[in-house]
C-alpha atoms as a PDB file:
ATOM      1  CA  MET A   1     -39.707 -51.795 -24.919  1.00  0.00           C
ATOM      2  CA  LEU A   2     -42.979 -49.925 -25.504  1.00  0.00           C
ATOM      3  CA  SER A   3     -45.098 -52.889 -24.434  1.00  0.00           C
ATOM      4  CA  ALA A   4     -43.044 -53.227 -21.242  1.00  0.00           C
ATOM      5  CA  VAL A   5     -43.557 -49.552 -20.392  1.00  0.00           C
ATOM      6  CA  ALA A   6     -47.271 -49.787 -21.203  1.00  0.00           C
ATOM      7  CA  ASN A   7     -47.577 -52.861 -18.985  1.00  0.00           C
ATOM      8  CA  ILE A   8     -45.830 -51.154 -16.067  1.00  0.00           C
ATOM      9  CA  PHE A   9     -47.940 -48.022 -16.508  1.00  0.00           C
ATOM     10  CA  ALA A  10     -51.147 -50.083 -16.635  1.00  0.00           C
ATOM     11  CA  GLN A  11     -50.190 -51.798 -13.388  1.00  0.00           C
ATOM     12  CA  LEU A  12     -49.539 -48.470 -11.653  1.00  0.00           C
ATOM     13  CA  ASP A  13     -52.591 -46.616 -13.033  1.00  0.00           C
ATOM     14  CA  LEU A  14     -55.032 -48.199 -10.574  1.00  0.00           C
ATOM     15  CA  ASP A  15     -58.057 -46.073 -11.473  1.00  0.00           C
ATOM     16  CA  ARG A  16     -57.395 -46.523 -15.226  1.00  0.00           C
ATOM     17  CA  ASP A  17     -57.729 -42.812 -15.962  1.00  0.00           C
ATOM     18  CA  GLY A  18     -54.583 -42.750 -18.096  1.00  0.00           C
ATOM     19  CA  GLU A  19     -52.697 -40.670 -15.547  1.00  0.00           C
ATOM     20  CA  MET A  20     -50.573 -41.646 -12.600  1.00  0.00           C
ATOM     21  CA  ASN A  21     -51.315 -39.556  -9.528  1.00  0.00           C
ATOM     22  CA  PHE A  22     -49.273 -39.239  -6.356  1.00  0.00           C
ATOM     23  CA  ARG A  23     -51.319 -41.838  -4.474  1.00  0.00           C
ATOM     24  CA  GLU A  24     -50.761 -44.436  -7.210  1.00  0.00           C
ATOM     25  CA  LEU A  25     -47.044 -43.694  -7.374  1.00  0.00           C
ATOM     26  CA  LEU A  26     -46.726 -43.838  -3.603  1.00  0.00           C
ATOM     27  CA  GLY A  27     -48.578 -47.156  -3.517  1.00  0.00           C
ATOM     28  CA  ALA A  28     -46.216 -48.563  -6.147  1.00  0.00           C
ATOM     29  CA  TYR A  29     -43.174 -47.374  -4.214  1.00  0.00           C
ATOM     30  CA  TYR A  30     -44.503 -48.801  -0.932  1.00  0.00           C
ATOM     31  CA  PRO A  31     -46.496 -51.866  -2.049  1.00  0.00           C
ATOM     32  CA  SER A  32     -46.802 -53.344   1.450  1.00  0.00           C
ATOM     33  CA  CYS A  33     -48.592 -50.250   2.798  1.00  0.00           C
ATOM     34  CA  THR A  34     -52.324 -50.379   3.341  1.00  0.00           C
ATOM     35  CA  VAL A  35     -54.670 -47.751   1.918  1.00  0.00           C
ATOM     36  CA  GLN A  36     -55.005 -46.328   5.433  1.00  0.00           C
ATOM     37  CA  GLU A  37     -51.216 -46.042   5.799  1.00  0.00           C
ATOM     38  CA  LEU A  38     -50.975 -44.252   2.457  1.00  0.00           C
ATOM     39  CA  ASP A  39     -53.777 -41.904   3.564  1.00  0.00           C
ATOM     40  CA  GLN A  40     -51.922 -41.158   6.795  1.00  0.00           C
ATOM     41  CA  PHE A  41     -48.688 -40.474   4.926  1.00  0.00           C
ATOM     42  CA  ILE A  42     -50.378 -38.182   2.400  1.00  0.00           C
ATOM     43  CA  HIS A  43     -52.280 -36.349   5.130  1.00  0.00           C
ATOM     44  CA  LYS A  44     -49.103 -35.893   7.185  1.00  0.00           C
ATOM     45  CA  TYR A  45     -47.042 -34.385   4.351  1.00  0.00           C
ATOM     46  CA  ASP A  46     -49.704 -32.756   2.171  1.00  0.00           C
ATOM     47  CA  SER A  47     -50.930 -29.462   3.560  1.00  0.00           C
ATOM     48  CA  SER A  48     -53.877 -29.262   1.158  1.00  0.00           C
ATOM     49  CA  PRO A  49     -57.357 -29.874   2.558  1.00  0.00           C
ATOM     50  CA  SER A  50     -58.112 -32.572  -0.028  1.00  0.00           C
ATOM     51  CA  THR A  51     -56.192 -35.842  -0.056  1.00  0.00           C
ATOM     52  CA  LYS A  52     -57.866 -38.209  -2.526  1.00  0.00           C
ATOM     53  CA  GLY A  53     -56.242 -38.340  -5.969  1.00  0.00           C
ATOM     54  CA  GLY A  54     -54.917 -35.432  -8.061  1.00  0.00           C
ATOM     55  CA  PRO A  55     -51.309 -34.353  -8.499  1.00  0.00           C
ATOM     56  CA  HIS A  56     -50.617 -33.913  -4.792  1.00  0.00           C
ATOM     57  CA  GLY A  57     -53.233 -36.321  -3.536  1.00  0.00           C
ATOM     58  CA  GLY A  58     -56.519 -34.468  -4.010  1.00  0.00           C
ATOM     59  CA  PRO A  59     -58.846 -33.807  -6.949  1.00  0.00           C
ATOM     60  CA  GLY A  60     -59.615 -30.343  -5.609  1.00  0.00           C
ATOM     61  CA  ASP A  61     -55.969 -29.589  -4.992  1.00  0.00           C
ATOM     62  CA  ASN A  62     -55.172 -26.629  -7.207  1.00  0.00           C
ATOM     63  CA  ARG A  63     -51.836 -25.788  -5.678  1.00  0.00           C
ATOM     64  CA  ARG A  64     -49.272 -24.779  -8.210  1.00  0.00           C
ATOM     65  CA  ARG A  65     -45.570 -24.741  -7.636  1.00  0.00           C
ATOM     66  CA  GLU A  66     -44.151 -21.474  -8.842  1.00  0.00           C
ATOM     67  CA  LEU A  67     -41.118 -21.919 -11.060  1.00  0.00           C
ATOM     68  CA  ASN A  68     -38.608 -19.224 -11.817  1.00  0.00           C
ATOM     69  CA  PRO A  69     -38.221 -18.248 -15.506  1.00  0.00           C
ATOM     70  CA  GLU A  70     -35.125 -20.414 -15.941  1.00  0.00           C
ATOM     71  CA  GLN A  71     -36.919 -23.472 -14.535  1.00  0.00           C
ATOM     72  CA  GLU A  72     -39.949 -22.820 -16.756  1.00  0.00           C
ATOM     73  CA  GLU A  73     -37.760 -22.602 -19.847  1.00  0.00           C
ATOM     74  CA  GLU A  74     -35.875 -25.770 -18.929  1.00  0.00           C
ATOM     75  CA  LEU A  75     -39.088 -27.704 -18.266  1.00  0.00           C
ATOM     76  CA  ALA A  76     -40.749 -26.457 -21.461  1.00  0.00           C
ATOM     77  CA  SER A  77     -37.700 -27.466 -23.501  1.00  0.00           C
ATOM     78  CA  PHE A  78     -37.620 -30.912 -21.920  1.00  0.00           C
ATOM     79  CA  LEU A  79     -41.346 -31.505 -22.494  1.00  0.00           C
ATOM     80  CA  ALA A  80     -41.144 -30.239 -26.091  1.00  0.00           C
ATOM     81  CA  ILE A  81     -38.519 -32.888 -26.826  1.00  0.00           C
ATOM     82  CA  ILE A  82     -40.633 -35.697 -25.368  1.00  0.00           C
ATOM     83  CA  ASP A  83     -44.055 -34.536 -26.637  1.00  0.00           C
ATOM     84  CA  GLN A  84     -43.513 -35.864 -30.176  1.00  0.00           C
ATOM     85  CA  ASN A  85     -46.981 -34.941 -31.477  1.00  0.00           C
ATOM     86  CA  SER A  86     -47.075 -31.548 -29.688  1.00  0.00           C
ATOM     87  CA  ASP A  87     -50.487 -32.201 -28.124  1.00  0.00           C
ATOM     88  CA  GLY A  88     -49.394 -31.060 -24.665  1.00  0.00           C
ATOM     89  CA  VAL A  89     -49.899 -34.533 -23.175  1.00  0.00           C
ATOM     90  CA  LEU A  90     -47.274 -37.222 -22.630  1.00  0.00           C
ATOM     91  CA  ASP A  91     -48.648 -40.618 -23.574  1.00  0.00           C
ATOM     92  CA  VAL A  92     -47.144 -44.044 -22.888  1.00  0.00           C
ATOM     93  CA  GLN A  93     -45.314 -44.144 -26.203  1.00  0.00           C
ATOM     94  CA  GLU A  94     -43.721 -40.747 -25.572  1.00  0.00           C
ATOM     95  CA  LEU A  95     -42.819 -41.710 -22.010  1.00  0.00           C
ATOM     96  CA  SER A  96     -41.080 -44.822 -23.329  1.00  0.00           C
ATOM     97  CA  LEU A  97     -38.594 -42.531 -25.074  1.00  0.00           C
ATOM     98  CA  ILE A  98     -37.244 -41.388 -21.708  1.00  0.00           C
ATOM     99  CA  HIS A  99     -34.280 -43.460 -20.633  1.00  0.00           C
ATOM    100  CA  ILE A 100     -33.834 -42.921 -16.917  1.00  0.00           C
END
């Protein structure tokens, strides 16, 4: 199971930085789209000035979604369960524990 998850992750992590950004996920979801089509889609729906990489499409994109206290607690609890070594980063092995 772990090797299958690692293989899928490696295929989706196009820039091999160990993280999957929005552009990579979008490209995986729409594999027949060209880079230009992905750029157009990101530009159309992303209001940030930067659209190349990063969590919302841009490395300089520092937008942060504000969560209410209940959402923060729920997210922290969920991540604490998955983050087995408590390093604050979810690696491939930890992600493989999620059964979606």
